[in-house]
Structure formats: structure tokens, C-alpha cells
């Protein structure tokens, strides 16, 4: 990318960069329908799974074609006996043969008013992922419902690796007592609540408005996908996971703010230098991004 293009993108607010560290640019924006308010994206074995809260919680699968996502179906509905169960999916944690978890951040406070921690219930579900892909509903595939009572506001599970062990990381959304917590996946899969002994392994303080997490194993980085203010504007915080755990507070490598006013919800890398970011908007909700390291 030449200097003139970078200058133009900077002027449009579509790229933010700290020289010699990390750059991130939005290169294409499209609309994907039928997701309701898209809440996140998980990239697994060549397939991008986007999830959202429509009339029921849904997961829709897409193949990656150049700079586009092409719907491959079928749609997964997060229901049991037709009843909406995971109505607001906020995280999909998958890693090899380890248990699969989906988060649900349930607002119980009054709509339209500023939210507090007391206005949210956080739930993590252990899922039979192979069964879910086969039958396309949670019927027979919902293995366990876990109250994430260690959370302060919401839950958004993502697998991370620390000292050669895999953990399920999650984080809070609000602006008070925010933390990233690491759960033991085996204990989590058998727990009724995350405050049970042995579930929580590590935690550290982090900045507010975390919508989702993304782990970059090749770099040992955890990305906080955030809003700059509650419910608005884009922020990506790249941090050193190991150093953050050891310090007890996020150790930031780079923070990238983009001048986009909608609600950033999720992000996943598709390759070392290309990713996809999603928002809760009904149009222009999926963005191809290019990273420079």
C-alpha cells in the first residue's frame, strides 16, 4: 500500500497505525442479511461462522471467497423444541477435541436505559458441536448450562493458550471492575457455575467495553474487540497475554481506534494479514480488514 493510499485511508478514518507495530485497515464493507444483530464471528477450518440475535439466536456458515463471505448453509438455530435458548450469543469457543462453549449475555434490566452489571446475566453453554452441525438445532446437543457468576457483565468465551495449556477466556463489557478471566475447560464443562472451586484459573484487569475476544496463537496475542464508548465506535486492543496474566493487568502492545460510529461486535483473522470484523448494524455489517505487523 503506497503512501498516498494510506494518507487517504487515514483521512477517512478507515485505518489506524502505530509505526512499526501493527496497522489495521478496512478494505471492503458488505451487508449480510438474516443475522439480526450480528454478535461475532469464529473462523474454523476454512469456514467463517457468524452468529447473531434474530427472532432466535442463529449461527450461519460462510465460505471465504477473495474478499467476500458466501453463505453455504444450512442455518443453525439456537433453540430447543423450537424455543429460543441462546437468544443473544456472545462468543463461540472451539479448539480441537476440547469442549465447545457458546456464551449468552442476557439483559434483564429495563431496555433503553444505561446498563449496569446488575442488568445482565451471563451464561455459558457446553455444546456438542458435531451434533449441532448435523441437526442444526440445540435439540440433543445442549450438554450443560453454566451460570457465569464470576463475570461482572456478560460473557464472551474464546480459547487461549498459556504455558502450553488451553483455557477458556472471557471478559466483561461494562466500565467497572472489568477483567479477563481464564477458566479450566474440563472443570467448566462439568460445573453449574463458574465460581465453583477449580474453574477460574487466572484473571487480570482490562479496559472497558469488551464485546468479544480473539486469540492469535502465533503471536501470543489476545485481541480485545471493544467499543470506545458504550455501544459505539471501534477499538482493537492487541495485548501480550502471558505478560498480562503475570502483571495482573492488561499489557498493551497496540490500541487501534477507527473512526466508525456503529457498534463493533466481533473480529477474527482469516489469515496472517486478513480478517473480518462484524457489527450489529442491519446493513454494512461485515468488513474485510487487512493487518500489517
C-alpha atoms as a PDB file:
ATOM      1  CA  UNK A   1       0.000   0.000   0.000  1.00  0.00           C
ATOM      2  CA  UNK A   2       1.574   3.283  -1.072  1.00  0.00           C
ATOM      3  CA  UNK A   3       1.803   6.447   0.995  1.00  0.00           C
ATOM      4  CA  UNK A   4      -0.969   8.262  -0.872  1.00  0.00           C
ATOM      5  CA  UNK A   5      -3.460   5.433  -0.246  1.00  0.00           C
ATOM      6  CA  UNK A   6      -2.503   5.266   3.426  1.00  0.00           C
ATOM      7  CA  UNK A   7      -2.979   9.026   3.744  1.00  0.00           C
ATOM      8  CA  UNK A   8      -6.418   8.796   2.147  1.00  0.00           C
ATOM      9  CA  UNK A   9      -7.457   5.936   4.407  1.00  0.00           C
ATOM     10  CA  UNK A  10      -6.215   7.807   7.447  1.00  0.00           C
ATOM     11  CA  UNK A  11      -8.215  10.836   6.401  1.00  0.00           C
ATOM     12  CA  UNK A  12     -11.340   8.730   6.009  1.00  0.00           C
ATOM     13  CA  UNK A  13     -10.831   7.140   9.402  1.00  0.00           C
ATOM     14  CA  UNK A  14     -10.560   3.672   7.866  1.00  0.00           C
ATOM     15  CA  UNK A  15      -7.030   2.928   9.021  1.00  0.00           C
ATOM     16  CA  UNK A  16      -5.149   3.498  12.244  1.00  0.00           C
ATOM     17  CA  UNK A  17      -1.487   2.699  12.776  1.00  0.00           C
ATOM     18  CA  UNK A  18       1.402   2.983  15.152  1.00  0.00           C
ATOM     19  CA  UNK A  19       4.576   2.956  13.017  1.00  0.00           C
ATOM     20  CA  UNK A  20       6.489  -0.306  13.167  1.00  0.00           C
ATOM     21  CA  UNK A  21       3.915  -2.044  15.371  1.00  0.00           C
ATOM     22  CA  UNK A  22       0.503  -3.035  13.970  1.00  0.00           C
ATOM     23  CA  UNK A  23      -1.674  -1.461  11.286  1.00  0.00           C
ATOM     24  CA  UNK A  24      -5.279  -2.291  10.521  1.00  0.00           C
ATOM     25  CA  UNK A  25      -7.294  -1.078   7.523  1.00  0.00           C
ATOM     26  CA  UNK A  26     -10.868  -1.668   6.410  1.00  0.00           C
ATOM     27  CA  UNK A  27     -10.648  -2.640   2.734  1.00  0.00           C
ATOM     28  CA  UNK A  28     -14.210  -3.726   1.933  1.00  0.00           C
ATOM     29  CA  UNK A  29     -17.646  -3.415   3.513  1.00  0.00           C
ATOM     30  CA  UNK A  30     -20.660  -5.569   2.674  1.00  0.00           C
ATOM     31  CA  UNK A  31     -24.083  -6.462   4.053  1.00  0.00           C
ATOM     32  CA  UNK A  32     -25.011  -9.985   5.127  1.00  0.00           C
ATOM     33  CA  UNK A  33     -28.679 -10.486   5.878  1.00  0.00           C
ATOM     34  CA  UNK A  34     -30.550 -12.923   8.158  1.00  0.00           C
ATOM     35  CA  UNK A  35     -28.179 -12.432  11.121  1.00  0.00           C
ATOM     36  CA  UNK A  36     -30.345  -9.982  13.047  1.00  0.00           C
ATOM     37  CA  UNK A  37     -27.840  -8.014  15.101  1.00  0.00           C
ATOM     38  CA  UNK A  38     -24.591  -9.845  14.377  1.00  0.00           C
ATOM     39  CA  UNK A  39     -22.689 -10.519  17.601  1.00  0.00           C
ATOM     40  CA  UNK A  40     -19.471 -12.182  16.475  1.00  0.00           C
ATOM     41  CA  UNK A  41     -17.507 -14.368  14.095  1.00  0.00           C
ATOM     42  CA  UNK A  42     -15.456 -17.539  14.523  1.00  0.00           C
ATOM     43  CA  UNK A  43     -13.187 -18.891  11.767  1.00  0.00           C
ATOM     44  CA  UNK A  44     -12.685 -22.645  11.784  1.00  0.00           C
ATOM     45  CA  UNK A  45     -11.128 -24.886   9.142  1.00  0.00           C
ATOM     46  CA  UNK A  46     -11.913 -22.605   6.221  1.00  0.00           C
ATOM     47  CA  UNK A  47     -15.431 -21.696   7.351  1.00  0.00           C
ATOM     48  CA  UNK A  48     -16.497 -18.417   8.934  1.00  0.00           C
ATOM     49  CA  UNK A  49     -19.333 -18.848  11.433  1.00  0.00           C
ATOM     50  CA  UNK A  50     -21.229 -15.604  12.073  1.00  0.00           C
ATOM     51  CA  UNK A  51     -23.710 -15.550  14.931  1.00  0.00           C
ATOM     52  CA  UNK A  52     -26.431 -13.119  15.850  1.00  0.00           C
ATOM     53  CA  UNK A  53     -29.683 -12.487  17.683  1.00  0.00           C
ATOM     54  CA  UNK A  54     -32.524 -12.509  15.208  1.00  0.00           C
ATOM     55  CA  UNK A  55     -36.023 -13.676  16.321  1.00  0.00           C
ATOM     56  CA  UNK A  56     -33.950 -16.538  17.756  1.00  0.00           C
ATOM     57  CA  UNK A  57     -30.195 -16.887  18.171  1.00  0.00           C
ATOM     58  CA  UNK A  58     -28.619 -18.095  14.924  1.00  0.00           C
ATOM     59  CA  UNK A  59     -25.285 -19.251  13.536  1.00  0.00           C
ATOM     60  CA  UNK A  60     -24.715 -19.042   9.781  1.00  0.00           C
ATOM     61  CA  UNK A  61     -21.754 -20.577   7.936  1.00  0.00           C
ATOM     62  CA  UNK A  62     -19.851 -18.877   5.106  1.00  0.00           C
ATOM     63  CA  UNK A  63     -17.005 -19.820   2.821  1.00  0.00           C
ATOM     64  CA  UNK A  64     -14.318 -17.222   2.191  1.00  0.00           C
ATOM     65  CA  UNK A  65     -14.044 -16.181  -1.467  1.00  0.00           C
ATOM     66  CA  UNK A  66     -11.482 -13.440  -2.182  1.00  0.00           C
ATOM     67  CA  UNK A  67     -12.818 -10.512  -0.119  1.00  0.00           C
ATOM     68  CA  UNK A  68     -16.329 -11.941   0.204  1.00  0.00           C
ATOM     69  CA  UNK A  69     -18.181 -14.315   2.504  1.00  0.00           C
ATOM     70  CA  UNK A  70     -20.509 -16.664   0.633  1.00  0.00           C
ATOM     71  CA  UNK A  71     -23.341 -18.308   2.556  1.00  0.00           C
ATOM     72  CA  UNK A  72     -23.031 -22.100   2.491  1.00  0.00           C
ATOM     73  CA  UNK A  73     -25.805 -23.054   4.939  1.00  0.00           C
ATOM     74  CA  UNK A  74     -27.686 -24.626   6.467  1.00  0.00           C
ATOM     75  CA  UNK A  75     -28.634 -22.199   9.223  1.00  0.00           C
ATOM     76  CA  UNK A  76     -28.215 -23.259  12.847  1.00  0.00           C
ATOM     77  CA  UNK A  77     -30.976 -22.121  15.193  1.00  0.00           C
ATOM     78  CA  UNK A  78     -30.018 -21.987  18.873  1.00  0.00           C
ATOM     79  CA  UNK A  79     -33.314 -23.436  20.028  1.00  0.00           C
ATOM     80  CA  UNK A  80     -34.631 -26.469  21.928  1.00  0.00           C
ATOM     81  CA  UNK A  81     -38.044 -27.781  20.859  1.00  0.00           C
ATOM     82  CA  UNK A  82     -38.435 -24.571  18.882  1.00  0.00           C
ATOM     83  CA  UNK A  83     -37.874 -22.370  21.948  1.00  0.00           C
ATOM     84  CA  UNK A  84     -35.166 -19.704  21.797  1.00  0.00           C
ATOM     85  CA  UNK A  85     -32.441 -20.701  24.288  1.00  0.00           C
ATOM     86  CA  UNK A  86     -29.251 -18.851  23.353  1.00  0.00           C
ATOM     87  CA  UNK A  87     -31.044 -15.675  22.370  1.00  0.00           C
ATOM     88  CA  UNK A  88     -28.020 -13.330  22.404  1.00  0.00           C
ATOM     89  CA  UNK A  89     -24.920 -15.398  21.507  1.00  0.00           C
ATOM     90  CA  UNK A  90     -21.757 -13.560  22.570  1.00  0.00           C
ATOM     91  CA  UNK A  91     -18.873 -15.925  21.993  1.00  0.00           C
ATOM     92  CA  UNK A  92     -18.058 -19.255  20.344  1.00  0.00           C
ATOM     93  CA  UNK A  93     -15.081 -21.143  21.803  1.00  0.00           C
ATOM     94  CA  UNK A  94     -13.754 -24.035  19.698  1.00  0.00           C
ATOM     95  CA  UNK A  95     -10.382 -25.792  19.960  1.00  0.00           C
ATOM     96  CA  UNK A  96      -9.715 -29.267  18.568  1.00  0.00           C
ATOM     97  CA  UNK A  97     -11.281 -32.018  20.678  1.00  0.00           C
ATOM     98  CA  UNK A  98     -11.754 -29.791  23.734  1.00  0.00           C
ATOM     99  CA  UNK A  99     -15.326 -28.946  24.790  1.00  0.00           C
ATOM    100  CA  UNK A 100     -17.167 -26.358  22.731  1.00  0.00           C
ATOM    101  CA  UNK A 101     -18.761 -23.410  24.534  1.00  0.00           C
ATOM    102  CA  UNK A 102     -21.174 -20.695  23.446  1.00  0.00           C
ATOM    103  CA  UNK A 103     -21.793 -17.601  25.562  1.00  0.00           C
ATOM    104  CA  UNK A 104     -25.062 -15.800  26.168  1.00  0.00           C
ATOM    105  CA  UNK A 105     -25.200 -12.303  27.658  1.00  0.00           C
ATOM    106  CA  UNK A 106     -28.817 -11.809  28.718  1.00  0.00           C
ATOM    107  CA  UNK A 107     -30.046  -8.328  29.501  1.00  0.00           C
ATOM    108  CA  UNK A 108     -32.541  -8.410  32.370  1.00  0.00           C
ATOM    109  CA  UNK A 109     -32.608  -4.668  33.035  1.00  0.00           C
ATOM    110  CA  UNK A 110     -35.018  -2.175  31.542  1.00  0.00           C
ATOM    111  CA  UNK A 111     -34.384  -1.613  27.808  1.00  0.00           C
ATOM    112  CA  UNK A 112     -33.359   1.863  26.716  1.00  0.00           C
ATOM    113  CA  UNK A 113     -31.656   2.817  29.963  1.00  0.00           C
ATOM    114  CA  UNK A 114     -27.880   2.779  30.648  1.00  0.00           C
ATOM    115  CA  UNK A 115     -26.964  -0.702  31.824  1.00  0.00           C
ATOM    116  CA  UNK A 116     -25.128  -1.785  34.959  1.00  0.00           C
ATOM    117  CA  UNK A 117     -23.685  -5.152  35.952  1.00  0.00           C
ATOM    118  CA  UNK A 118     -26.921  -5.940  37.784  1.00  0.00           C
ATOM    119  CA  UNK A 119     -28.823  -5.648  34.498  1.00  0.00           C
ATOM    120  CA  UNK A 120     -27.079  -8.644  32.928  1.00  0.00           C
ATOM    121  CA  UNK A 121     -26.996 -12.415  33.383  1.00  0.00           C
ATOM    122  CA  UNK A 122     -24.064 -14.312  31.889  1.00  0.00           C
ATOM    123  CA  UNK A 123     -24.481 -17.947  30.827  1.00  0.00           C
ATOM    124  CA  UNK A 124     -22.062 -20.360  29.121  1.00  0.00           C
ATOM    125  CA  UNK A 125     -23.365 -23.463  27.354  1.00  0.00           C
ATOM    126  CA  UNK A 126     -21.365 -26.633  26.691  1.00  0.00           C
ATOM    127  CA  UNK A 127     -22.342 -27.821  23.217  1.00  0.00           C
ATOM    128  CA  UNK A 128     -21.995 -30.976  21.130  1.00  0.00           C
ATOM    129  CA  UNK A 129     -20.575 -29.121  18.134  1.00  0.00           C
ATOM    130  CA  UNK A 130     -20.607 -32.082  15.745  1.00  0.00           C
ATOM    131  CA  UNK A 131     -24.232 -32.746  16.632  1.00  0.00           C
ATOM    132  CA  UNK A 132     -25.129 -29.087  16.202  1.00  0.00           C
ATOM    133  CA  UNK A 133     -23.649 -29.063  12.697  1.00  0.00           C
ATOM    134  CA  UNK A 134     -25.542 -32.253  11.884  1.00  0.00           C
ATOM    135  CA  UNK A 135     -29.028 -31.408  13.206  1.00  0.00           C
ATOM    136  CA  UNK A 136     -28.899 -27.554  13.094  1.00  0.00           C
ATOM    137  CA  UNK A 137     -30.600 -27.001  16.465  1.00  0.00           C
ATOM    138  CA  UNK A 138     -29.642 -27.441  20.120  1.00  0.00           C
ATOM    139  CA  UNK A 139     -32.032 -30.385  20.491  1.00  0.00           C
ATOM    140  CA  UNK A 140     -29.907 -33.197  21.940  1.00  0.00           C
ATOM    141  CA  UNK A 141     -26.775 -31.050  21.603  1.00  0.00           C
ATOM    142  CA  UNK A 142     -27.027 -28.846  24.699  1.00  0.00           C
ATOM    143  CA  UNK A 143     -24.766 -30.661  27.147  1.00  0.00           C
ATOM    144  CA  UNK A 144     -24.685 -28.244  30.075  1.00  0.00           C
ATOM    145  CA  UNK A 145     -25.834 -24.794  31.141  1.00  0.00           C
ATOM    146  CA  UNK A 146     -23.287 -22.947  33.314  1.00  0.00           C
ATOM    147  CA  UNK A 147     -24.027 -19.744  35.190  1.00  0.00           C
ATOM    148  CA  UNK A 148     -21.029 -17.466  34.651  1.00  0.00           C
ATOM    149  CA  UNK A 149     -21.465 -15.849  38.061  1.00  0.00           C
ATOM    150  CA  UNK A 150     -17.758 -14.946  38.212  1.00  0.00           C
ATOM    151  CA  UNK A 151     -18.500 -12.447  35.449  1.00  0.00           C
ATOM    152  CA  UNK A 152     -19.272  -8.810  36.192  1.00  0.00           C
ATOM    153  CA  UNK A 153     -21.183  -8.014  32.994  1.00  0.00           C
ATOM    154  CA  UNK A 154     -21.764 -10.580  30.271  1.00  0.00           C
ATOM    155  CA  UNK A 155     -19.622 -13.393  28.910  1.00  0.00           C
ATOM    156  CA  UNK A 156     -17.789 -13.997  25.620  1.00  0.00           C
ATOM    157  CA  UNK A 157     -15.816 -17.293  25.642  1.00  0.00           C
ATOM    158  CA  UNK A 158     -12.710 -17.794  23.482  1.00  0.00           C
ATOM    159  CA  UNK A 159      -9.951 -20.424  23.734  1.00  0.00           C
ATOM    160  CA  UNK A 160      -6.461 -19.124  24.558  1.00  0.00           C
ATOM    161  CA  UNK A 161      -3.166 -20.846  25.359  1.00  0.00           C
ATOM    162  CA  UNK A 162      -0.974 -20.074  28.348  1.00  0.00           C
ATOM    163  CA  UNK A 163       2.100 -22.074  29.405  1.00  0.00           C
ATOM    164  CA  UNK A 164       1.166 -24.868  26.962  1.00  0.00           C
ATOM    165  CA  UNK A 165      -2.319 -25.273  28.420  1.00  0.00           C
ATOM    166  CA  UNK A 166      -5.606 -24.294  26.799  1.00  0.00           C
ATOM    167  CA  UNK A 167      -8.095 -22.205  28.748  1.00  0.00           C
ATOM    168  CA  UNK A 168     -11.456 -20.621  28.019  1.00  0.00           C
ATOM    169  CA  UNK A 169     -11.037 -16.857  28.325  1.00  0.00           C
ATOM    170  CA  UNK A 170     -13.894 -14.413  28.747  1.00  0.00           C
ATOM    171  CA  UNK A 171     -14.272 -10.763  29.694  1.00  0.00           C
ATOM    172  CA  UNK A 172     -16.722  -8.169  30.961  1.00  0.00           C
ATOM    173  CA  UNK A 173     -18.372  -5.443  28.934  1.00  0.00           C
ATOM    174  CA  UNK A 174     -19.036  -2.587  31.365  1.00  0.00           C
ATOM    175  CA  UNK A 175     -16.779   0.147  32.736  1.00  0.00           C
ATOM    176  CA  UNK A 176     -16.422  -1.138  36.309  1.00  0.00           C
ATOM    177  CA  UNK A 177     -14.176  -3.945  37.616  1.00  0.00           C
ATOM    178  CA  UNK A 178     -13.536  -5.280  34.122  1.00  0.00           C
ATOM    179  CA  UNK A 179     -11.379  -8.380  33.900  1.00  0.00           C
ATOM    180  CA  UNK A 180     -10.308 -11.130  31.547  1.00  0.00           C
ATOM    181  CA  UNK A 181     -10.802 -14.490  33.256  1.00  0.00           C
ATOM    182  CA  UNK A 182      -9.338 -17.862  32.251  1.00  0.00           C
ATOM    183  CA  UNK A 183     -11.393 -20.979  33.016  1.00  0.00           C
ATOM    184  CA  UNK A 184     -10.245 -24.599  33.051  1.00  0.00           C
ATOM    185  CA  UNK A 185     -12.248 -26.136  30.150  1.00  0.00           C
ATOM    186  CA  UNK A 186     -12.627 -29.575  31.777  1.00  0.00           C
ATOM    187  CA  UNK A 187     -13.920 -28.092  35.034  1.00  0.00           C
ATOM    188  CA  UNK A 188     -16.083 -25.602  33.170  1.00  0.00           C
ATOM    189  CA  UNK A 189     -17.730 -28.400  31.171  1.00  0.00           C
ATOM    190  CA  UNK A 190     -18.918 -30.101  34.386  1.00  0.00           C
ATOM    191  CA  UNK A 191     -19.679 -27.027  36.508  1.00  0.00           C
ATOM    192  CA  UNK A 192     -23.010 -25.450  37.385  1.00  0.00           C
ATOM    193  CA  UNK A 193     -21.424 -22.052  37.914  1.00  0.00           C
ATOM    194  CA  UNK A 194     -18.010 -20.518  37.272  1.00  0.00           C
ATOM    195  CA  UNK A 195     -17.490 -19.549  40.916  1.00  0.00           C
ATOM    196  CA  UNK A 196     -17.056 -23.241  41.811  1.00  0.00           C
ATOM    197  CA  UNK A 197     -13.549 -24.216  43.011  1.00  0.00           C
ATOM    198  CA  UNK A 198     -11.085 -25.020  40.234  1.00  0.00           C
ATOM    199  CA  UNK A 199     -12.994 -23.370  37.381  1.00  0.00           C
ATOM    200  CA  UNK A 200     -11.309 -19.957  37.482  1.00  0.00           C
ATOM    201  CA  UNK A 201      -7.549 -20.345  36.978  1.00  0.00           C
ATOM    202  CA  UNK A 202      -6.219 -16.851  36.164  1.00  0.00           C
ATOM    203  CA  UNK A 203      -7.555 -13.335  35.730  1.00  0.00           C
ATOM    204  CA  UNK A 204      -6.327  -9.815  35.087  1.00  0.00           C
ATOM    205  CA  UNK A 205      -7.858  -6.346  34.884  1.00  0.00           C
ATOM    206  CA  UNK A 206      -8.693  -4.931  31.469  1.00  0.00           C
ATOM    207  CA  UNK A 207     -10.146  -1.817  29.864  1.00  0.00           C
ATOM    208  CA  UNK A 208     -13.917  -1.397  29.371  1.00  0.00           C
ATOM    209  CA  UNK A 209     -16.468  -2.110  26.666  1.00  0.00           C
ATOM    210  CA  UNK A 210     -15.149  -5.511  25.558  1.00  0.00           C
ATOM    211  CA  UNK A 211     -17.564  -7.046  23.056  1.00  0.00           C
ATOM    212  CA  UNK A 212     -15.522 -10.111  22.138  1.00  0.00           C
ATOM    213  CA  UNK A 213     -12.090 -11.750  22.270  1.00  0.00           C
ATOM    214  CA  UNK A 214      -9.814 -13.151  19.573  1.00  0.00           C
ATOM    215  CA  UNK A 215      -6.710 -15.261  20.207  1.00  0.00           C
ATOM    216  CA  UNK A 216      -3.703 -15.109  17.840  1.00  0.00           C
ATOM    217  CA  UNK A 217      -1.636 -18.174  18.832  1.00  0.00           C
ATOM    218  CA  UNK A 218       1.312 -17.481  16.513  1.00  0.00           C
ATOM    219  CA  UNK A 219       1.958 -14.195  18.296  1.00  0.00           C
ATOM    220  CA  UNK A 220       0.772 -14.972  21.813  1.00  0.00           C
ATOM    221  CA  UNK A 221      -1.620 -12.033  21.488  1.00  0.00           C
ATOM    222  CA  UNK A 222      -5.138 -11.664  22.771  1.00  0.00           C
ATOM    223  CA  UNK A 223      -7.238  -9.056  20.972  1.00  0.00           C
ATOM    224  CA  UNK A 224      -9.937  -7.216  22.883  1.00  0.00           C
ATOM    225  CA  UNK A 225     -12.665  -6.279  20.404  1.00  0.00           C
ATOM    226  CA  UNK A 226     -14.100  -3.173  22.030  1.00  0.00           C
ATOM    227  CA  UNK A 227     -16.191  -0.040  21.764  1.00  0.00           C
ATOM    228  CA  UNK A 228     -14.610   3.318  22.554  1.00  0.00           C
ATOM    229  CA  UNK A 229     -17.764   4.345  24.424  1.00  0.00           C
ATOM    230  CA  UNK A 230     -20.702   2.218  25.475  1.00  0.00           C
ATOM    231  CA  UNK A 231     -22.248   0.668  22.371  1.00  0.00           C
ATOM    232  CA  UNK A 232     -20.415   2.828  19.835  1.00  0.00           C
ATOM    233  CA  UNK A 233     -17.173   3.228  17.872  1.00  0.00           C
ATOM    234  CA  UNK A 234     -14.445   0.714  17.114  1.00  0.00           C
ATOM    235  CA  UNK A 235     -11.419  -0.249  19.175  1.00  0.00           C
ATOM    236  CA  UNK A 236      -8.967  -3.141  18.810  1.00  0.00           C
ATOM    237  CA  UNK A 237      -6.568  -3.703  21.724  1.00  0.00           C
ATOM    238  CA  UNK A 238      -3.701  -6.099  20.997  1.00  0.00           C
ATOM    239  CA  UNK A 239      -2.049  -7.321  24.173  1.00  0.00           C
ATOM    240  CA  UNK A 240       0.544  -9.813  25.362  1.00  0.00           C
ATOM    241  CA  UNK A 241      -1.466 -12.498  27.155  1.00  0.00           C
ATOM    242  CA  UNK A 242       1.357 -14.011  29.192  1.00  0.00           C
ATOM    243  CA  UNK A 243       2.630 -10.648  30.408  1.00  0.00           C
ATOM    244  CA  UNK A 244      -0.917  -9.544  31.223  1.00  0.00           C
ATOM    245  CA  UNK A 245      -1.529 -12.615  33.365  1.00  0.00           C
ATOM    246  CA  UNK A 246       1.767 -12.169  35.167  1.00  0.00           C
ATOM    247  CA  UNK A 247       1.205  -8.448  35.763  1.00  0.00           C
ATOM    248  CA  UNK A 248      -2.437  -8.797  36.770  1.00  0.00           C
ATOM    249  CA  UNK A 249      -3.410  -6.089  34.275  1.00  0.00           C
ATOM    250  CA  UNK A 250      -3.558  -5.906  30.501  1.00  0.00           C
ATOM    251  CA  UNK A 251      -0.167  -5.295  28.904  1.00  0.00           C
ATOM    252  CA  UNK A 252      -0.980  -3.482  25.668  1.00  0.00           C
ATOM    253  CA  UNK A 253       1.100  -3.852  22.528  1.00  0.00           C
ATOM    254  CA  UNK A 254      -1.081  -1.645  20.352  1.00  0.00           C
ATOM    255  CA  UNK A 255      -4.501   0.003  20.568  1.00  0.00           C
ATOM    256  CA  UNK A 256      -6.174   0.829  17.273  1.00  0.00           C
ATOM    257  CA  UNK A 257      -9.200   3.128  17.182  1.00  0.00           C
ATOM    258  CA  UNK A 258     -11.181   3.524  13.971  1.00  0.00           C
ATOM    259  CA  UNK A 259     -13.472   6.434  13.277  1.00  0.00           C
ATOM    260  CA  UNK A 260     -16.556   4.329  12.630  1.00  0.00           C
ATOM    261  CA  UNK A 261     -19.658   5.102  14.641  1.00  0.00           C
ATOM    262  CA  UNK A 262     -21.559   1.806  14.758  1.00  0.00           C
ATOM    263  CA  UNK A 263     -21.170  -0.973  17.337  1.00  0.00           C
ATOM    264  CA  UNK A 264     -18.196  -3.246  16.695  1.00  0.00           C
ATOM    265  CA  UNK A 265     -19.126  -6.732  17.926  1.00  0.00           C
ATOM    266  CA  UNK A 266     -16.598  -9.280  16.669  1.00  0.00           C
ATOM    267  CA  UNK A 267     -13.381  -9.934  14.760  1.00  0.00           C
ATOM    268  CA  UNK A 268     -11.471 -12.983  13.538  1.00  0.00           C
ATOM    269  CA  UNK A 269      -8.358 -13.464  11.461  1.00  0.00           C
ATOM    270  CA  UNK A 270      -8.800 -15.450   8.246  1.00  0.00           C
ATOM    271  CA  UNK A 271      -5.047 -15.479   7.547  1.00  0.00           C
ATOM    272  CA  UNK A 272      -1.946 -13.813   8.956  1.00  0.00           C
ATOM    273  CA  UNK A 273      -2.841 -10.498   7.320  1.00  0.00           C
ATOM    274  CA  UNK A 274      -6.561 -10.612   6.565  1.00  0.00           C
ATOM    275  CA  UNK A 275      -9.552 -10.698   8.864  1.00  0.00           C
ATOM    276  CA  UNK A 276     -13.238  -9.939   9.146  1.00  0.00           C
ATOM    277  CA  UNK A 277     -14.934  -7.563  11.583  1.00  0.00           C
ATOM    278  CA  UNK A 278     -18.685  -7.544  12.228  1.00  0.00           C
ATOM    279  CA  UNK A 279     -21.113  -5.066  13.724  1.00  0.00           C
ATOM    280  CA  UNK A 280     -24.697  -5.187  14.975  1.00  0.00           C
ATOM    281  CA  UNK A 281     -25.921  -2.896  12.180  1.00  0.00           C
ATOM    282  CA  UNK A 282     -28.567  -4.277   9.831  1.00  0.00           C
ATOM    283  CA  UNK A 283     -26.649  -3.030   6.765  1.00  0.00           C
ATOM    284  CA  UNK A 284     -22.928  -2.608   6.081  1.00  0.00           C
ATOM    285  CA  UNK A 285     -22.353  -5.075   8.927  1.00  0.00           C
ATOM    286  CA  UNK A 286     -19.382  -7.124   7.628  1.00  0.00           C
ATOM    287  CA  UNK A 287     -15.958  -5.601   6.956  1.00  0.00           C
ATOM    288  CA  UNK A 288     -12.843  -7.116   5.425  1.00  0.00           C
ATOM    289  CA  UNK A 289      -9.737  -5.837   7.198  1.00  0.00           C
ATOM    290  CA  UNK A 290      -6.051  -6.030   6.348  1.00  0.00           C
ATOM    291  CA  UNK A 291      -3.377  -6.126   9.039  1.00  0.00           C
ATOM    292  CA  UNK A 292       0.283  -5.199   8.901  1.00  0.00           C
ATOM    293  CA  UNK A 293       2.722  -6.488  11.502  1.00  0.00           C
END
